[in-house]
């Protein structure tokens, strides 16, 4: 596969041109060493927001690999998410229906920014409560096709029929939704399906594609840089070829939110990745097999895991009593401490908190690195097991608590919303100490970084549990603005 963007920049670099254009380093090699490859939108380099030359050719190459219409982003999936919300609103208006999105609650912060900027109405699918031995985490929001059908029918009866459904899959912890089933439900109800697939660009290139665009999604974004050999910031917006209206306005949607100075280093990286995928597709399934083997080894060592994502391992390492599974323990009880111990062996994970350790792998992960991770985690598990045997003095009570009998279908209630996200962001606001935030209306999303999933949305009243998610100061709406409007 050809690499038109890289080839153009390489030829320009070798021409020893007098660069009387941006950027200011003028292509002179500096401390980073990449300066000669760093250009701007000069003649022949095409324009990302109106691609018709080498960028359009490279995007077409990517589209042929993914089997859809594909546009590049040099600003990550965050740009693509905003563009998707714009496209969903414009499509609804084009069809003559009210723009309204039914969204799983574990959205990325960029989705909330988009609905605030575009003033789009949203109904939330809330996460399920912890029960049946399943861990609860706000990063996860399960929904089946049958459940989605019930939700859409209920909203239609209430006069709030969604024009689109928005799902994050895989989520940050590696859980994947049944995209095919959700797509079937959406299309049978006249809704569009948009998927934040930021963590799953590689899913297209497994032995059997599990990519949302091959499973029926209308729109999808991938963060290429998260799992493919692409520089940070490289991402894709995918559009179904069956929808001509979306295809026509997709470029406009991206340009609305994007910088006018895209990084050509990132564009070259995306361009070269096309050739890498075509030449190394066998490595994708091989990586999935190696991760599956490591999961088996870790399970034998006593670790508990969640998620079905083929290139990600999420260890459940928090206090198991929080998860309604008191008679089973994992190989470690504190994610932050486990991550610190791994760091001493030169192993640095994607994310950790008290309850989870998330590890991401790719085709670039070597066999030596797989072996090191497996051996270190096995050693840690054995040392902990030996310590427990030494300190054990009495048998624990293995009876399960009666409080665990709640239904697996029970979902956490939606927090009380008194202002729309747009109203809350634009309202007069102030900072208050976290200890004083309960009962106040949030003026900006309450987000943990990472995974950048809002625990509370702006416009919602902070409940008693808010103090568990935040320290320091919180921006809230000044009184009495939040008191005179209630949805």
Protein backbone atom coordinates (compact mmCIF):
# COMPACT_ATOMS: atom_id res chain seq x y z
CA UNK A 1 0.00 0.00 0.00
CA UNK A 2 1.37 3.42 -0.90
CA UNK A 3 2.09 6.13 1.69
CA UNK A 4 1.37 9.45 -0.06
CA UNK A 5 1.68 11.79 2.94
CA UNK A 6 4.97 10.35 4.13
CA UNK A 7 6.35 10.24 0.59
CA UNK A 8 5.53 13.92 0.01
CA UNK A 9 7.15 15.04 3.27
CA UNK A 10 10.22 12.87 2.66
CA UNK A 11 10.66 14.35 -0.82
CA UNK A 12 10.25 17.87 0.57
CA UNK A 13 12.80 17.16 3.30
CA UNK A 14 15.34 15.92 0.79
CA UNK A 15 14.80 18.91 -1.54
CA UNK A 16 16.65 21.22 0.87
CA UNK A 17 13.94 23.84 0.33
CA UNK A 18 14.08 27.33 1.82
CA UNK A 19 11.20 27.15 4.27
CA UNK A 20 9.57 30.58 4.39
CA UNK A 21 6.52 29.15 6.10
CA UNK A 22 5.55 27.81 9.52
CA UNK A 23 6.75 26.25 11.79
CA UNK A 24 9.51 28.45 13.13
CA UNK A 25 12.16 25.75 13.42
CA UNK A 26 12.33 25.83 9.56
CA UNK A 27 13.09 22.12 9.44
CA UNK A 28 16.47 22.50 11.12
CA UNK A 29 17.21 19.37 13.20
CA UNK A 30 16.81 20.20 16.87
CA UNK A 31 16.60 18.39 20.20
CA UNK A 32 13.72 16.17 19.07
CA UNK A 33 15.25 15.19 15.76
CA UNK A 34 11.88 15.19 13.95
CA UNK A 35 11.91 18.85 12.92
CA UNK A 36 12.72 18.17 9.22
CA UNK A 37 9.50 16.12 8.96
CA UNK A 38 7.34 18.73 10.68
CA UNK A 39 5.60 20.87 8.05
CA UNK A 40 2.36 22.75 7.60
CA UNK A 41 -0.25 22.89 4.83
CA UNK A 42 2.02 24.11 2.04
CA UNK A 43 1.32 23.68 -1.69
CA UNK A 44 1.02 20.00 -2.49
CA UNK A 45 0.58 18.94 1.14
CA UNK A 46 -3.24 19.04 0.92
CA UNK A 47 -5.55 20.47 3.60
CA UNK A 48 -6.94 18.11 6.23
CA UNK A 49 -10.27 19.94 6.60
CA UNK A 50 -10.85 19.88 2.83
CA UNK A 51 -8.77 16.91 1.73
CA UNK A 52 -8.55 16.39 -2.02
CA UNK A 53 -4.91 15.38 -2.55
CA UNK A 54 -2.42 13.26 -0.65
CA UNK A 55 -4.45 13.31 2.59
CA UNK A 56 -7.61 12.23 0.76
CA UNK A 57 -5.63 9.44 -0.91
CA UNK A 58 -4.27 8.24 2.42
CA UNK A 59 -7.71 8.39 4.06
CA UNK A 60 -9.05 6.29 1.18
CA UNK A 61 -6.33 3.75 1.91
CA UNK A 62 -7.43 3.62 5.54
CA UNK A 63 -11.06 3.32 4.47
CA UNK A 64 -10.23 0.33 2.28
CA UNK A 65 -8.67 -1.38 5.31
CA UNK A 66 -11.62 -0.65 7.60
CA UNK A 67 -14.30 -1.17 4.95
CA UNK A 68 -15.97 2.21 5.36
CA UNK A 69 -15.49 5.95 4.82
CA UNK A 70 -12.61 7.05 7.05
CA UNK A 71 -11.37 10.50 8.03
CA UNK A 72 -8.20 11.34 9.96
CA UNK A 73 -7.95 13.24 13.23
CA UNK A 74 -4.73 14.63 14.68
CA UNK A 75 -6.58 15.52 17.89
CA UNK A 76 -7.50 12.07 19.07
CA UNK A 77 -10.95 10.54 19.34
CA UNK A 78 -12.06 13.59 21.33
CA UNK A 79 -12.38 15.49 18.05
CA UNK A 80 -14.18 12.55 16.45
CA UNK A 81 -16.65 12.28 19.36
CA UNK A 82 -17.60 15.94 18.99
CA UNK A 83 -17.99 15.43 15.25
CA UNK A 84 -20.20 12.38 15.82
CA UNK A 85 -22.56 14.32 18.09
CA UNK A 86 -22.77 17.06 15.45
CA UNK A 87 -23.51 14.47 12.77
CA UNK A 88 -26.19 12.82 14.89
CA UNK A 89 -27.88 16.17 15.47
CA UNK A 90 -27.68 17.19 11.81
CA UNK A 91 -28.99 13.82 10.66
CA UNK A 92 -31.96 14.04 13.00
CA UNK A 93 -32.80 17.52 11.74
CA UNK A 94 -32.37 16.31 8.16
CA UNK A 95 -34.88 13.52 8.86
CA UNK A 96 -37.29 15.93 10.50
CA UNK A 97 -37.09 14.43 14.00
CA UNK A 98 -36.00 15.93 17.31
CA UNK A 99 -32.30 15.37 18.02
CA UNK A 100 -32.17 13.26 21.16
CA UNK A 101 -29.50 10.74 22.14
CA UNK A 102 -29.85 7.73 24.42
CA UNK A 103 -26.31 7.28 25.73
CA UNK A 104 -24.61 4.79 28.01
CA UNK A 105 -23.44 6.70 31.08
CA UNK A 106 -19.75 5.73 30.77
CA UNK A 107 -19.14 8.27 28.01
CA UNK A 108 -15.87 10.14 27.57
CA UNK A 109 -15.69 13.73 28.78
CA UNK A 110 -15.60 14.94 25.16
CA UNK A 111 -19.16 13.65 24.62
CA UNK A 112 -20.45 15.82 27.45
CA UNK A 113 -18.60 18.83 26.05
CA UNK A 114 -20.21 18.17 22.67
CA UNK A 115 -23.80 17.90 23.92
CA UNK A 116 -23.28 21.10 25.91
CA UNK A 117 -21.85 23.02 22.95
CA UNK A 118 -24.52 21.70 20.58
CA UNK A 119 -27.33 21.74 23.20
CA UNK A 120 -28.45 18.18 22.46
CA UNK A 121 -30.92 16.44 24.77
CA UNK A 122 -29.66 13.17 26.30
CA UNK A 123 -31.24 10.33 28.25
CA UNK A 124 -28.83 8.14 30.18
CA UNK A 125 -28.44 4.38 30.38
CA UNK A 126 -27.10 3.96 33.90
CA UNK A 127 -24.64 1.26 35.06
CA UNK A 128 -25.98 -1.80 36.80
CA UNK A 129 -25.72 -2.06 40.55
CA UNK A 130 -23.16 -4.44 42.03
CA UNK A 131 -24.71 -7.87 42.49
CA UNK A 132 -24.32 -11.56 41.66
CA UNK A 133 -20.60 -11.33 42.34
CA UNK A 134 -20.10 -8.75 39.57
CA UNK A 135 -17.94 -5.71 40.28
CA UNK A 136 -19.48 -2.28 39.78
CA UNK A 137 -17.44 0.49 38.29
CA UNK A 138 -18.63 3.77 36.81
CA UNK A 139 -16.34 3.12 33.82
CA UNK A 140 -18.67 0.28 32.77
CA UNK A 141 -22.28 0.35 31.56
CA UNK A 142 -23.72 -2.94 30.33
CA UNK A 143 -26.78 -2.99 28.06
CA UNK A 144 -28.14 -5.87 25.99
CA UNK A 145 -30.19 -5.67 22.82
CA UNK A 146 -33.36 -6.66 24.68
CA UNK A 147 -32.74 -4.07 27.39
CA UNK A 148 -32.13 -1.38 24.79
CA UNK A 149 -35.38 -2.22 23.00
CA UNK A 150 -37.32 -1.82 26.26
CA UNK A 151 -35.62 1.53 26.97
CA UNK A 152 -36.38 2.92 23.51
CA UNK A 153 -40.03 1.79 23.68
CA UNK A 154 -40.42 3.40 27.11
CA UNK A 155 -38.92 6.69 25.94
CA UNK A 156 -41.19 6.67 22.89
CA UNK A 157 -44.25 6.25 25.12
CA UNK A 158 -43.03 9.18 27.23
CA UNK A 159 -42.62 11.39 24.15
CA UNK A 160 -38.82 11.35 24.26
CA UNK A 161 -38.04 9.06 21.34
CA UNK A 162 -34.26 8.97 20.77
CA UNK A 163 -32.97 9.69 17.29
CA UNK A 164 -29.69 7.93 18.08
CA UNK A 165 -28.01 5.61 20.57
CA UNK A 166 -24.43 6.20 21.73
CA UNK A 167 -22.32 3.41 23.23
CA UNK A 168 -18.73 3.15 24.47
CA UNK A 169 -17.28 -0.22 23.49
CA UNK A 170 -14.76 -1.44 24.49
CA UNK A 171 -14.91 0.56 27.68
CA UNK A 172 -11.88 1.56 29.71
CA UNK A 173 -11.86 -1.71 31.65
CA UNK A 174 -12.10 -3.87 28.52
CA UNK A 175 -15.80 -4.73 28.51
CA UNK A 176 -17.38 -5.03 25.06
CA UNK A 177 -21.02 -4.56 24.12
CA UNK A 178 -22.94 -6.77 21.69
CA UNK A 179 -22.75 -4.19 18.91
CA UNK A 180 -24.53 -6.40 16.35
CA UNK A 181 -27.54 -6.85 18.64
CA UNK A 182 -27.63 -3.15 19.56
CA UNK A 183 -27.38 -2.13 15.91
CA UNK A 184 -30.29 -4.40 14.99
CA UNK A 185 -32.45 -2.88 17.72
CA UNK A 186 -31.49 0.67 16.77
CA UNK A 187 -32.22 0.21 13.09
CA UNK A 188 -35.53 -1.56 13.74
CA UNK A 189 -36.57 1.48 15.82
CA UNK A 190 -35.34 4.02 13.27
CA UNK A 191 -32.35 5.10 15.38
CA UNK A 192 -28.72 5.57 14.41
CA UNK A 193 -25.98 3.81 16.38
CA UNK A 194 -22.74 5.63 17.17
CA UNK A 195 -19.89 3.82 18.95
CA UNK A 196 -16.90 5.23 20.80
CA UNK A 197 -14.42 2.50 19.86
CA UNK A 198 -11.39 4.52 20.98
CA UNK A 199 -9.70 1.46 22.50
CA UNK A 200 -10.55 -0.95 19.69
CA UNK A 201 -9.06 0.12 16.35
CA UNK A 202 -7.27 -3.25 16.13
CA UNK A 203 -10.55 -5.21 16.35
CA UNK A 204 -10.98 -4.89 12.59
CA UNK A 205 -7.84 -6.91 11.94
CA UNK A 206 -8.40 -10.00 14.08
CA UNK A 207 -9.11 -13.35 12.41
CA UNK A 208 -12.81 -12.48 12.67
CA UNK A 209 -13.45 -8.74 12.67
CA UNK A 210 -15.08 -7.45 15.84
CA UNK A 211 -15.00 -3.81 14.75
CA UNK A 212 -18.24 -1.82 15.24
CA UNK A 213 -18.38 -0.78 11.57
CA UNK A 214 -18.48 -4.45 10.57
CA UNK A 215 -21.18 -5.16 13.15
CA UNK A 216 -23.71 -2.55 12.02
CA UNK A 217 -22.70 0.77 13.58
CA UNK A 218 -23.49 3.91 11.57
CA UNK A 219 -20.70 6.00 13.10
CA UNK A 220 -17.58 5.07 15.01
CA UNK A 221 -14.36 6.60 16.24
CA UNK A 222 -11.04 4.85 16.87
CA UNK A 223 -8.01 6.21 18.70
CA UNK A 224 -5.36 4.77 16.41
CA UNK A 225 -2.64 5.81 18.83
CA UNK A 226 -4.07 3.74 21.68
CA UNK A 227 -3.46 0.33 20.10
CA UNK A 228 -1.77 0.82 16.71
CA UNK A 229 1.79 2.06 15.98
CA UNK A 230 0.64 5.68 15.60
CA UNK A 231 1.80 8.85 17.34
CA UNK A 232 -0.35 10.18 20.18
CA UNK A 233 -3.29 12.14 18.80
CA UNK A 234 -3.82 10.02 15.68
CA UNK A 235 -7.42 8.85 15.34
CA UNK A 236 -10.12 7.86 12.85
CA UNK A 237 -13.73 8.84 12.26
CA UNK A 238 -15.57 6.06 10.43
CA UNK A 239 -18.86 6.55 8.57
CA UNK A 240 -21.05 3.86 7.08
CA UNK A 241 -20.90 3.92 3.29
CA UNK A 242 -24.65 3.27 3.25
CA UNK A 243 -25.39 6.76 4.57
CA UNK A 244 -24.66 9.32 1.87
CA UNK A 245 -25.83 12.31 3.94
CA UNK A 246 -23.40 11.50 6.76
CA UNK A 247 -20.60 11.03 4.26
CA UNK A 248 -21.31 14.41 2.64
CA UNK A 249 -21.16 16.43 5.86
CA UNK A 250 -18.53 14.43 7.80
CA UNK A 251 -15.69 16.70 6.71
CA UNK A 252 -17.67 19.74 7.81
CA UNK A 253 -18.29 18.14 11.20
CA UNK A 254 -14.59 17.50 11.77
CA UNK A 255 -13.56 20.97 10.60
CA UNK A 256 -16.06 22.61 12.97
CA UNK A 257 -14.12 21.45 16.04
CA UNK A 258 -10.60 20.86 14.68
CA UNK A 259 -7.48 22.99 14.69
CA UNK A 260 -6.49 24.66 11.42
CA UNK A 261 -2.90 23.58 12.09
CA UNK A 262 -2.97 19.77 12.08
CA UNK A 263 0.21 17.90 12.94
CA UNK A 264 1.87 16.46 9.86
CA UNK A 265 3.95 14.24 12.11
CA UNK A 266 0.72 12.56 13.24
CA UNK A 267 -0.63 12.49 9.67
CA UNK A 268 2.53 10.73 8.47
CA UNK A 269 2.16 8.27 11.33
CA UNK A 270 -1.43 7.47 10.31
CA UNK A 271 -0.33 7.20 6.69
CA UNK A 272 2.50 4.76 7.46
CA UNK A 273 0.19 2.72 9.69
CA UNK A 274 -1.89 1.77 6.64
CA UNK A 275 1.12 0.02 5.11
CA UNK A 276 2.01 -1.54 8.49
CA UNK A 277 -1.46 -3.05 8.86
CA UNK A 278 -1.48 -4.45 5.33
CA UNK A 279 1.95 -6.03 5.78
CA UNK A 280 1.53 -7.31 9.36
CA UNK A 281 -2.12 -8.32 9.77
CA UNK A 282 -1.14 -11.77 11.04
CA UNK A 283 0.44 -10.13 14.09
CA UNK A 284 -2.95 -8.89 15.32
CA UNK A 285 -4.39 -12.35 15.93
CA UNK A 286 -1.05 -13.54 17.30
CA UNK A 287 -1.13 -10.74 19.89
CA UNK A 288 -4.68 -11.67 20.87
CA UNK A 289 -3.60 -15.29 21.38
CA UNK A 290 -0.64 -14.24 23.51
CA UNK A 291 -2.82 -12.02 25.71
CA UNK A 292 -5.33 -14.88 26.09
CA UNK A 293 -2.53 -17.16 27.27
CA UNK A 294 -1.35 -14.57 29.79
CA UNK A 295 -4.91 -14.25 31.11
CA UNK A 296 -5.02 -18.03 31.67
CA UNK A 297 -1.69 -17.93 33.51
CA UNK A 298 -2.82 -15.06 35.74
CA UNK A 299 -6.11 -16.80 36.54
CA UNK A 300 -4.16 -19.88 37.67
CA UNK A 301 -2.04 -17.61 39.87
CA UNK A 302 -5.20 -16.39 41.61
CA UNK A 303 -5.94 -13.10 39.87
CA UNK A 304 -9.48 -12.01 39.10
CA UNK A 305 -10.13 -10.24 35.81
CA UNK A 306 -12.97 -8.47 34.00
CA UNK A 307 -13.52 -7.61 30.36
CA UNK A 308 -13.37 -9.52 27.10
CA UNK A 309 -11.19 -7.17 25.08
CA UNK A 310 -8.53 -9.28 23.31
CA UNK A 311 -5.58 -6.91 23.83
CA UNK A 312 -6.33 -5.71 27.36
CA UNK A 313 -6.08 -7.27 30.80
CA UNK A 314 -7.96 -5.67 33.68
CA UNK A 315 -7.16 -7.09 37.09
CA UNK A 316 -9.83 -6.70 39.77
CA UNK A 317 -7.75 -6.04 42.83
CA UNK A 318 -9.98 -3.95 45.11
CA UNK A 319 -11.69 -5.00 48.31
CA UNK A 320 -13.92 -7.84 47.16
CA UNK A 321 -16.54 -7.01 49.81
CA UNK A 322 -17.46 -3.99 47.65
CA UNK A 323 -18.41 -6.33 44.83
CA UNK A 324 -20.76 -8.63 46.67
CA UNK A 325 -18.31 -11.55 46.49
CA UNK A 326 -16.97 -11.89 50.00
CA UNK A 327 -15.96 -15.54 49.78
CA UNK A 328 -13.48 -15.05 46.95
CA UNK A 329 -10.28 -13.06 46.93
CA UNK A 330 -7.96 -12.10 44.13
CA UNK A 331 -4.20 -12.27 44.15
CA UNK A 332 -3.83 -8.75 45.46
CA UNK A 333 -6.01 -6.31 47.41
CA UNK A 334 -4.87 -2.84 46.39
CA UNK A 335 -4.45 -1.74 42.77
CA UNK A 336 -2.35 1.31 43.54
CA UNK A 337 0.10 -0.74 45.56
CA UNK A 338 0.25 -3.45 42.89
CA UNK A 339 1.00 -0.85 40.19
CA UNK A 340 3.76 0.57 42.37
CA UNK A 341 5.31 -2.86 42.76
CA UNK A 342 5.15 -3.48 39.01
CA UNK A 343 6.87 -0.15 38.46
CA UNK A 344 9.86 -1.37 40.46
CA UNK A 345 10.34 -4.01 37.75
CA UNK A 346 10.08 -1.40 35.00
CA UNK A 347 6.46 -2.33 34.17
CA UNK A 348 4.13 0.68 33.85
CA UNK A 349 0.41 0.11 33.42
CA UNK A 350 -2.23 2.11 31.58
CA UNK A 351 -4.35 2.80 34.67
CA UNK A 352 -4.71 1.84 38.29
CA UNK A 353 -6.87 2.72 41.25
CA UNK A 354 -7.67 0.93 44.48
CA UNK A 355 -9.86 -1.58 42.63
CA UNK A 356 -8.29 -2.10 39.20
CA UNK A 357 -5.06 -2.42 37.27
CA UNK A 358 -5.43 -2.02 33.50
CA UNK A 359 -2.72 -3.30 31.15
CA UNK A 360 -2.79 -2.69 27.37
CA UNK A 361 -0.84 -4.75 24.85
CA UNK A 362 -0.23 -4.44 21.10
CA UNK A 363 1.69 -5.95 18.20
CA UNK A 364 4.69 -3.99 19.48
CA UNK A 365 4.74 -5.87 22.81
CA UNK A 366 7.63 -8.33 22.67
CA UNK A 367 7.61 -11.94 23.85
CA UNK A 368 10.17 -10.95 26.48
CA UNK A 369 7.81 -8.29 27.82
CA UNK A 370 4.88 -10.76 27.96
CA UNK A 371 7.08 -13.20 29.85
CA UNK A 372 8.27 -10.52 32.29
CA UNK A 373 4.74 -9.37 33.10
CA UNK A 374 3.60 -12.94 33.68
CA UNK A 375 6.53 -13.89 35.88
CA UNK A 376 6.44 -10.72 37.99
CA UNK A 377 2.69 -10.97 38.65
CA UNK A 378 3.04 -14.68 39.48
CA UNK A 379 5.84 -13.86 41.92
CA UNK A 380 3.78 -11.13 43.60
CA UNK A 381 0.81 -13.50 43.93
CA UNK A 382 2.95 -16.22 45.48
CA UNK A 383 4.54 -13.86 47.99
CA UNK A 384 1.15 -12.57 49.06
CA UNK A 385 -0.20 -16.10 49.39
CA UNK A 386 2.73 -17.07 51.60
CA UNK A 387 2.17 -14.03 53.81
CA UNK A 388 -1.52 -14.83 54.21
CA UNK A 389 -0.79 -18.41 55.22
CA UNK A 390 1.68 -17.15 57.80
CA UNK A 391 -0.70 -14.58 59.27
CA UNK A 392 -3.88 -16.68 59.09
CA UNK A 393 -5.18 -17.42 62.57
CA UNK A 394 -8.79 -18.44 62.13
CA UNK A 395 -11.17 -19.62 59.46
CA UNK A 396 -13.26 -16.89 57.82
CA UNK A 397 -17.02 -17.13 57.67
CA UNK A 398 -17.92 -18.11 54.12
CA UNK A 399 -21.63 -17.30 54.27
CA UNK A 400 -22.74 -14.79 51.66
CA UNK A 401 -24.53 -11.67 52.78
CA UNK A 402 -28.29 -11.51 52.18
CA UNK A 403 -27.77 -8.05 50.77
CA UNK A 404 -26.33 -9.66 47.62
CA UNK A 405 -29.72 -10.91 46.43
CA UNK A 406 -30.48 -7.88 44.26
CA UNK A 407 -31.39 -8.47 40.62
CA UNK A 408 -28.67 -8.32 38.00
CA UNK A 409 -30.97 -6.02 36.01
CA UNK A 410 -31.11 -3.34 38.70
CA UNK A 411 -29.55 -0.11 37.52
CA UNK A 412 -28.27 2.81 39.52
CA UNK A 413 -30.79 5.71 39.50
CA UNK A 414 -30.06 8.66 37.25
CA UNK A 415 -28.86 11.63 39.35
CA UNK A 416 -31.27 14.56 39.59
CA UNK A 417 -30.72 17.00 36.71
CA UNK A 418 -31.91 20.58 37.18
CA UNK A 419 -30.03 22.32 34.36
CA UNK A 420 -29.02 21.17 30.92
CA UNK A 421 -25.27 20.76 30.40
CA UNK A 422 -25.26 23.92 28.28
CA UNK A 423 -27.07 25.92 30.95
CA UNK A 424 -24.79 24.65 33.71
CA UNK A 425 -21.57 25.40 31.84
CA UNK A 426 -22.73 28.94 30.99
CA UNK A 427 -24.14 29.70 34.45
CA UNK A 428 -22.31 31.80 37.06
CA UNK A 429 -20.23 29.38 39.10
CA UNK A 430 -17.82 29.12 41.98
CA UNK A 431 -15.41 26.66 43.57
CA UNK A 432 -16.35 24.97 46.84
CA UNK A 433 -14.48 22.45 48.93
CA UNK A 434 -15.37 18.84 48.17
CA UNK A 435 -16.73 18.42 51.69
CA UNK A 436 -19.27 21.17 50.95
CA UNK A 437 -20.36 20.04 47.48
CA UNK A 438 -23.24 17.72 48.37
CA UNK A 439 -26.56 19.19 47.27
CA UNK A 440 -24.97 21.69 44.90
CA UNK A 441 -25.37 21.70 41.11
CA UNK A 442 -22.24 20.79 39.17
CA UNK A 443 -21.00 23.44 36.72
CA UNK A 444 -18.45 21.23 34.98
CA UNK A 445 -18.15 17.45 34.73
CA UNK A 446 -16.77 15.61 37.73
CA UNK A 447 -14.10 13.59 35.94
CA UNK A 448 -11.23 11.32 36.91
CA UNK A 449 -8.20 11.42 34.59
CA UNK A 450 -7.80 8.77 33.37
CA UNK A 451 -10.25 7.28 32.39
CA UNK A 452 -11.95 10.63 31.71
CA UNK A 453 -15.42 9.23 32.38
CA UNK A 454 -17.68 11.73 34.20
CA UNK A 455 -19.04 10.42 37.50
CA UNK A 456 -21.48 13.35 37.63
CA UNK A 457 -22.54 15.46 34.67
CA UNK A 458 -22.76 19.25 34.73
CA UNK A 459 -26.29 20.32 35.59
CA UNK A 460 -26.82 17.47 38.06
CA UNK A 461 -27.22 17.74 41.82
CA UNK A 462 -24.28 16.18 43.64
CA UNK A 463 -25.39 13.37 45.95
CA UNK A 464 -23.91 12.01 49.16
CA UNK A 465 -21.64 9.66 47.20
CA UNK A 466 -19.91 12.56 45.43
CA UNK A 467 -17.39 12.93 48.24
CA UNK A 468 -16.06 9.45 47.37
CA UNK A 469 -15.00 10.59 43.91
CA UNK A 470 -13.43 13.97 44.50
CA UNK A 471 -10.97 15.79 46.70
CA UNK A 472 -9.97 19.42 46.72
CA UNK A 473 -12.35 21.90 45.10
CA UNK A 474 -15.40 21.43 42.87
CA UNK A 475 -16.91 24.00 40.50
CA UNK A 476 -20.64 24.37 41.18
CA UNK A 477 -23.39 26.68 39.99
CA UNK A 478 -23.95 29.71 42.18
CA UNK A 479 -27.24 29.83 44.07
CA UNK A 480 -30.03 30.46 43.35
CA UNK A 481 -29.64 29.76 39.61
CA UNK A 482 -30.17 26.03 40.01
CA UNK A 483 -33.37 26.50 42.02
CA UNK A 484 -35.73 28.03 39.49
CA UNK A 485 -35.45 25.42 36.76
CA UNK A 486 -36.08 21.72 37.07
CA UNK A 487 -36.31 19.28 34.21
